[in-house]
Amino acid sequence: MRRDSDLIRAILLAIENEDRCEVLRMPDINGYDDETVHFHARLLVEKGFLKTYFPDRAGRQPWTCIRLTWEGYDFLDAIRDPVVWRWVKHSAAKVGSWSIETLAAIAKSMILAKVEALGLTA
């Protein structure tokens, strides 16, 4: 299965939008089946963006997501803005490949450019 950057972003946003901060059921993501969401959530755990308890999938127990990590929030903050996200994806497509680090670097460079354009640099 290929990684889907839009799904990664959607999972992070959905978890952050939950009312409870420590125990969350893995949200349904429109347009994606449970197996695909499960795969991408595991990638986010492996990357260190989520701290999660994975229940026994054979028993059909609901997901329990403990929380986003500091790194998860940092990445989400960099790609939260839909305009930034579109620009990040467009830029990554020009390169022809992407990683979380590449997406974050592109987003941060755009954010820093906005800061400079506003004259907020020291």
N, C-alpha and C. Protein backbone atom coordinates (compact mmCIF):
# COMPACT_ATOMS: atom_id res chain seq x y z
N MET A 1 0.85 -1.18 0.00
CA MET A 1 0.00 0.00 0.00
C MET A 1 0.90 1.24 0.00
N ARG A 2 0.53 2.20 -0.79
CA ARG A 2 1.30 3.45 -0.86
C ARG A 2 0.83 4.42 0.23
N ARG A 3 1.77 5.22 0.69
CA ARG A 3 1.41 6.25 1.67
C ARG A 3 0.59 7.34 0.98
N ASP A 4 -0.35 7.89 1.73
CA ASP A 4 -1.22 8.94 1.23
C ASP A 4 -1.08 10.14 2.15
N SER A 5 -0.43 11.19 1.66
CA SER A 5 -0.18 12.36 2.51
C SER A 5 -1.47 13.06 2.93
N ASP A 6 -2.48 13.05 2.06
CA ASP A 6 -3.75 13.67 2.45
C ASP A 6 -4.41 12.91 3.60
N LEU A 7 -4.31 11.58 3.58
CA LEU A 7 -4.87 10.79 4.67
C LEU A 7 -4.10 11.00 5.97
N ILE A 8 -2.79 11.10 5.87
CA ILE A 8 -1.98 11.38 7.06
C ILE A 8 -2.43 12.69 7.69
N ARG A 9 -2.59 13.72 6.89
CA ARG A 9 -3.05 15.02 7.39
C ARG A 9 -4.46 14.90 7.98
N ALA A 10 -5.34 14.19 7.28
CA ALA A 10 -6.73 14.04 7.75
C ALA A 10 -6.79 13.32 9.10
N ILE A 11 -5.96 12.30 9.30
CA ILE A 11 -5.95 11.59 10.57
C ILE A 11 -5.50 12.52 11.69
N LEU A 12 -4.42 13.26 11.47
CA LEU A 12 -3.92 14.19 12.48
C LEU A 12 -4.97 15.25 12.84
N LEU A 13 -5.60 15.81 11.82
CA LEU A 13 -6.64 16.81 12.06
C LEU A 13 -7.83 16.23 12.81
N ALA A 14 -8.26 15.03 12.43
CA ALA A 14 -9.41 14.40 13.08
C ALA A 14 -9.12 14.10 14.54
N ILE A 15 -7.93 13.62 14.84
CA ILE A 15 -7.59 13.32 16.23
C ILE A 15 -7.52 14.60 17.04
N GLU A 16 -6.91 15.64 16.47
CA GLU A 16 -6.83 16.91 17.19
C GLU A 16 -8.22 17.50 17.46
N ASN A 17 -9.16 17.28 16.55
CA ASN A 17 -10.50 17.86 16.68
C ASN A 17 -11.39 17.14 17.68
N GLU A 18 -10.96 15.99 18.18
CA GLU A 18 -11.75 15.27 19.18
C GLU A 18 -11.83 16.08 20.47
N ASP A 19 -12.92 15.95 21.18
CA ASP A 19 -13.11 16.68 22.43
C ASP A 19 -12.23 16.16 23.56
N ARG A 20 -11.99 14.87 23.57
CA ARG A 20 -11.20 14.27 24.64
C ARG A 20 -9.74 14.26 24.23
N CYS A 21 -8.85 14.53 25.16
CA CYS A 21 -7.44 14.68 24.80
C CYS A 21 -6.60 13.43 25.03
N GLU A 22 -7.10 12.45 25.76
CA GLU A 22 -6.25 11.30 26.06
C GLU A 22 -6.76 9.97 25.53
N VAL A 23 -8.04 9.78 25.43
CA VAL A 23 -8.56 8.52 24.92
C VAL A 23 -9.55 8.82 23.82
N LEU A 24 -9.19 8.46 22.62
CA LEU A 24 -10.01 8.77 21.45
C LEU A 24 -10.24 7.52 20.64
N ARG A 25 -11.42 7.39 20.08
CA ARG A 25 -11.67 6.31 19.13
C ARG A 25 -11.13 6.78 17.79
N MET A 26 -10.47 5.89 17.08
CA MET A 26 -9.93 6.26 15.78
C MET A 26 -11.08 6.74 14.90
N PRO A 27 -11.00 7.95 14.39
CA PRO A 27 -12.13 8.51 13.63
C PRO A 27 -12.28 7.87 12.26
N ASP A 28 -13.51 7.91 11.76
CA ASP A 28 -13.76 7.52 10.38
C ASP A 28 -13.30 8.69 9.51
N ILE A 29 -12.63 8.37 8.44
CA ILE A 29 -12.17 9.39 7.50
C ILE A 29 -12.91 9.17 6.19
N ASN A 30 -13.68 10.16 5.78
CA ASN A 30 -14.45 10.04 4.54
C ASN A 30 -13.56 9.70 3.36
N GLY A 31 -14.01 8.72 2.58
CA GLY A 31 -13.29 8.33 1.38
C GLY A 31 -12.23 7.27 1.59
N TYR A 32 -12.04 6.82 2.84
CA TYR A 32 -11.00 5.82 3.13
C TYR A 32 -11.60 4.68 3.94
N ASP A 33 -11.22 3.45 3.58
CA ASP A 33 -11.70 2.30 4.34
C ASP A 33 -10.88 2.14 5.62
N ASP A 34 -11.42 1.35 6.56
CA ASP A 34 -10.79 1.17 7.86
C ASP A 34 -9.37 0.63 7.75
N GLU A 35 -9.14 -0.28 6.84
CA GLU A 35 -7.82 -0.90 6.71
C GLU A 35 -6.77 0.12 6.26
N THR A 36 -7.15 1.01 5.37
CA THR A 36 -6.23 2.05 4.89
C THR A 36 -5.94 3.05 6.01
N VAL A 37 -6.96 3.43 6.75
CA VAL A 37 -6.76 4.35 7.88
C VAL A 37 -5.87 3.69 8.93
N HIS A 38 -6.12 2.42 9.21
CA HIS A 38 -5.33 1.67 10.18
C HIS A 38 -3.85 1.67 9.77
N PHE A 39 -3.58 1.37 8.50
CA PHE A 39 -2.21 1.34 7.99
C PHE A 39 -1.51 2.68 8.20
N HIS A 40 -2.18 3.76 7.84
CA HIS A 40 -1.59 5.09 7.95
C HIS A 40 -1.43 5.53 9.40
N ALA A 41 -2.36 5.15 10.25
CA ALA A 41 -2.22 5.47 11.68
C ALA A 41 -1.00 4.76 12.26
N ARG A 42 -0.79 3.53 11.85
CA ARG A 42 0.42 2.80 12.31
C ARG A 42 1.68 3.50 11.85
N LEU A 43 1.68 4.02 10.62
CA LEU A 43 2.83 4.78 10.15
C LEU A 43 3.06 6.02 11.04
N LEU A 44 1.98 6.67 11.43
CA LEU A 44 2.10 7.86 12.29
C LEU A 44 2.64 7.49 13.67
N VAL A 45 2.28 6.32 14.17
CA VAL A 45 2.83 5.84 15.43
C VAL A 45 4.32 5.56 15.26
N GLU A 46 4.67 4.86 14.19
CA GLU A 46 6.08 4.54 13.93
C GLU A 46 6.92 5.81 13.80
N LYS A 47 6.36 6.86 13.21
CA LYS A 47 7.06 8.13 13.04
C LYS A 47 7.15 8.90 14.35
N GLY A 48 6.32 8.54 15.32
CA GLY A 48 6.34 9.24 16.60
C GLY A 48 5.36 10.39 16.69
N PHE A 49 4.41 10.45 15.75
CA PHE A 49 3.42 11.52 15.75
C PHE A 49 2.20 11.18 16.60
N LEU A 50 1.97 9.89 16.87
CA LEU A 50 0.87 9.44 17.71
C LEU A 50 1.38 8.51 18.79
N LYS A 51 0.81 8.62 19.97
CA LYS A 51 0.98 7.62 21.03
C LYS A 51 -0.35 6.90 21.09
N THR A 52 -0.34 5.62 20.77
CA THR A 52 -1.58 4.89 20.57
C THR A 52 -1.53 3.49 21.14
N TYR A 53 -2.68 3.04 21.59
CA TYR A 53 -2.90 1.64 21.93
C TYR A 53 -3.61 1.02 20.75
N PHE A 54 -3.02 -0.02 20.18
CA PHE A 54 -3.65 -0.73 19.08
C PHE A 54 -4.36 -1.95 19.63
N PRO A 55 -5.68 -2.00 19.60
CA PRO A 55 -6.40 -3.17 20.09
C PRO A 55 -6.24 -4.36 19.14
N ASP A 56 -6.73 -5.47 19.57
CA ASP A 56 -6.71 -6.68 18.76
C ASP A 56 -7.67 -6.51 17.59
N ARG A 57 -7.13 -6.37 16.39
CA ARG A 57 -7.98 -6.14 15.21
C ARG A 57 -8.89 -7.33 14.93
N ALA A 58 -8.44 -8.53 15.26
CA ALA A 58 -9.26 -9.72 15.02
C ALA A 58 -10.53 -9.68 15.86
N GLY A 59 -10.45 -9.08 17.04
CA GLY A 59 -11.60 -8.99 17.93
C GLY A 59 -12.53 -7.84 17.62
N ARG A 60 -12.18 -7.05 16.60
CA ARG A 60 -13.00 -5.91 16.18
C ARG A 60 -13.23 -4.89 17.30
N GLN A 61 -12.24 -4.76 18.18
CA GLN A 61 -12.33 -3.73 19.21
C GLN A 61 -12.11 -2.37 18.57
N PRO A 62 -12.70 -1.32 19.11
CA PRO A 62 -12.48 0.00 18.53
C PRO A 62 -11.05 0.47 18.79
N TRP A 63 -10.58 1.31 17.92
CA TRP A 63 -9.28 1.93 18.13
C TRP A 63 -9.33 2.81 19.36
N THR A 64 -8.24 2.93 20.04
CA THR A 64 -8.10 3.90 21.11
C THR A 64 -6.82 4.67 20.85
N CYS A 65 -6.94 5.91 20.50
CA CYS A 65 -5.77 6.75 20.27
C CYS A 65 -5.53 7.57 21.51
N ILE A 66 -4.39 7.43 22.09
CA ILE A 66 -4.09 8.13 23.33
C ILE A 66 -3.96 9.63 23.09
N ARG A 67 -3.07 10.01 22.15
CA ARG A 67 -2.89 11.44 21.90
C ARG A 67 -1.93 11.69 20.76
N LEU A 68 -1.92 12.94 20.29
CA LEU A 68 -0.87 13.39 19.39
C LEU A 68 0.37 13.67 20.23
N THR A 69 1.54 13.44 19.68
CA THR A 69 2.78 13.78 20.38
C THR A 69 3.16 15.22 20.04
N TRP A 70 4.18 15.72 20.72
CA TRP A 70 4.69 17.07 20.44
C TRP A 70 5.07 17.17 18.95
N GLU A 71 5.76 16.13 18.45
CA GLU A 71 6.17 16.11 17.05
C GLU A 71 4.97 16.09 16.12
N GLY A 72 3.93 15.37 16.52
CA GLY A 72 2.71 15.33 15.72
C GLY A 72 2.05 16.69 15.63
N TYR A 73 1.98 17.39 16.77
CA TYR A 73 1.42 18.75 16.76
C TYR A 73 2.27 19.70 15.91
N ASP A 74 3.61 19.60 16.04
CA ASP A 74 4.47 20.47 15.24
C ASP A 74 4.26 20.26 13.75
N PHE A 75 4.19 19.00 13.33
CA PHE A 75 3.97 18.73 11.91
C PHE A 75 2.60 19.24 11.48
N LEU A 76 1.58 18.97 12.29
CA LEU A 76 0.23 19.42 11.95
C LEU A 76 0.16 20.94 11.88
N ASP A 77 0.80 21.62 12.81
CA ASP A 77 0.81 23.09 12.77
C ASP A 77 1.44 23.62 11.49
N ALA A 78 2.45 22.91 10.99
CA ALA A 78 3.12 23.35 9.76
C ALA A 78 2.24 23.16 8.53
N ILE A 79 1.38 22.14 8.54
CA ILE A 79 0.57 21.83 7.34
C ILE A 79 -0.92 22.08 7.52
N ARG A 80 -1.32 22.68 8.62
CA ARG A 80 -2.74 22.87 8.94
C ARG A 80 -3.47 23.74 7.91
N ASP A 81 -2.90 24.87 7.56
CA ASP A 81 -3.54 25.82 6.65
C ASP A 81 -3.74 25.16 5.29
N PRO A 82 -4.99 25.14 4.79
CA PRO A 82 -5.25 24.49 3.49
C PRO A 82 -4.45 25.09 2.33
N VAL A 83 -4.19 26.39 2.37
CA VAL A 83 -3.41 27.03 1.30
C VAL A 83 -1.97 26.53 1.36
N VAL A 84 -1.41 26.50 2.56
CA VAL A 84 -0.05 25.98 2.73
C VAL A 84 0.00 24.52 2.27
N TRP A 85 -1.01 23.73 2.68
CA TRP A 85 -1.01 22.31 2.33
C TRP A 85 -1.05 22.12 0.82
N ARG A 86 -1.88 22.87 0.11
CA ARG A 86 -1.93 22.75 -1.36
C ARG A 86 -0.57 23.09 -1.97
N TRP A 87 0.06 24.14 -1.46
CA TRP A 87 1.36 24.56 -1.98
C TRP A 87 2.42 23.50 -1.68
N VAL A 88 2.38 22.92 -0.49
CA VAL A 88 3.33 21.87 -0.11
C VAL A 88 3.17 20.67 -1.05
N LYS A 89 1.94 20.23 -1.27
CA LYS A 89 1.71 19.08 -2.16
C LYS A 89 2.15 19.39 -3.59
N HIS A 90 1.86 20.59 -4.05
CA HIS A 90 2.27 21.00 -5.39
C HIS A 90 3.79 20.99 -5.52
N SER A 91 4.47 21.51 -4.53
CA SER A 91 5.93 21.55 -4.54
C SER A 91 6.53 20.15 -4.48
N ALA A 92 5.97 19.29 -3.63
CA ALA A 92 6.46 17.92 -3.52
C ALA A 92 6.23 17.16 -4.82
N ALA A 93 5.12 17.43 -5.49
CA ALA A 93 4.85 16.76 -6.77
C ALA A 93 5.88 17.15 -7.82
N LYS A 94 6.34 18.38 -7.78
CA LYS A 94 7.37 18.82 -8.72
C LYS A 94 8.67 18.05 -8.50
N VAL A 95 8.96 17.76 -7.23
CA VAL A 95 10.18 17.01 -6.89
C VAL A 95 10.02 15.55 -7.31
N GLY A 96 8.81 15.04 -7.21
CA GLY A 96 8.53 13.67 -7.64
C GLY A 96 8.48 12.66 -6.53
N SER A 97 8.77 13.05 -5.32
CA SER A 97 8.65 12.15 -4.18
C SER A 97 8.52 13.00 -2.91
N TRP A 98 8.18 12.32 -1.82
CA TRP A 98 8.03 13.06 -0.58
C TRP A 98 8.32 12.17 0.61
N SER A 99 8.66 12.82 1.69
CA SER A 99 8.77 12.20 3.00
C SER A 99 8.15 13.19 3.97
N ILE A 100 7.91 12.75 5.18
CA ILE A 100 7.37 13.66 6.19
C ILE A 100 8.32 14.84 6.37
N GLU A 101 9.62 14.56 6.41
CA GLU A 101 10.61 15.61 6.60
C GLU A 101 10.57 16.63 5.46
N THR A 102 10.41 16.12 4.22
CA THR A 102 10.34 17.00 3.06
C THR A 102 9.09 17.87 3.11
N LEU A 103 7.94 17.26 3.41
CA LEU A 103 6.70 18.03 3.51
C LEU A 103 6.82 19.10 4.59
N ALA A 104 7.37 18.74 5.74
CA ALA A 104 7.53 19.71 6.83
C ALA A 104 8.48 20.83 6.44
N ALA A 105 9.57 20.50 5.77
CA ALA A 105 10.54 21.52 5.36
C ALA A 105 9.92 22.50 4.36
N ILE A 106 9.15 21.98 3.41
CA ILE A 106 8.49 22.85 2.44
C ILE A 106 7.50 23.77 3.15
N ALA A 107 6.70 23.20 4.06
CA ALA A 107 5.72 24.00 4.80
C ALA A 107 6.41 25.07 5.63
N LYS A 108 7.46 24.70 6.32
CA LYS A 108 8.16 25.67 7.17
C LYS A 108 8.78 26.79 6.34
N SER A 109 9.30 26.46 5.15
CA SER A 109 9.89 27.50 4.31
C SER A 109 8.81 28.48 3.85
N MET A 110 7.61 27.97 3.56
CA MET A 110 6.52 28.85 3.16
C MET A 110 6.08 29.73 4.33
N ILE A 111 6.00 29.16 5.52
CA ILE A 111 5.61 29.92 6.70
C ILE A 111 6.64 31.00 7.00
N LEU A 112 7.92 30.66 6.91
CA LEU A 112 8.99 31.65 7.14
C LEU A 112 8.94 32.76 6.10
N ALA A 113 8.61 32.42 4.86
CA ALA A 113 8.48 33.44 3.82
C ALA A 113 7.34 34.40 4.15
N LYS A 114 6.23 33.85 4.68
CA LYS A 114 5.11 34.71 5.10
C LYS A 114 5.52 35.64 6.24
N VAL A 115 6.28 35.10 7.18
CA VAL A 115 6.75 35.90 8.33
C VAL A 115 7.62 37.05 7.82
N GLU A 116 8.53 36.76 6.92
CA GLU A 116 9.39 37.80 6.36
C GLU A 116 8.60 38.83 5.57
N ALA A 117 7.60 38.37 4.79
CA ALA A 117 6.78 39.27 4.00
C ALA A 117 5.98 40.23 4.90
N LEU A 118 5.64 39.77 6.09
CA LEU A 118 4.92 40.61 7.04
C LEU A 118 5.86 41.52 7.83
N GLY A 119 7.15 41.36 7.60
CA GLY A 119 8.13 42.18 8.31
C GLY A 119 8.27 41.82 9.78
N LEU A 120 8.03 40.56 10.11
CA LEU A 120 8.07 40.12 11.51
C LEU A 120 9.39 39.53 11.93
N THR A 121 10.39 39.58 11.05
CA THR A 121 11.70 39.06 11.42
C THR A 121 12.46 40.09 12.24
N ALA A 122 13.38 39.61 13.05
CA ALA A 122 14.13 40.51 13.93
C ALA A 122 15.23 41.21 13.18
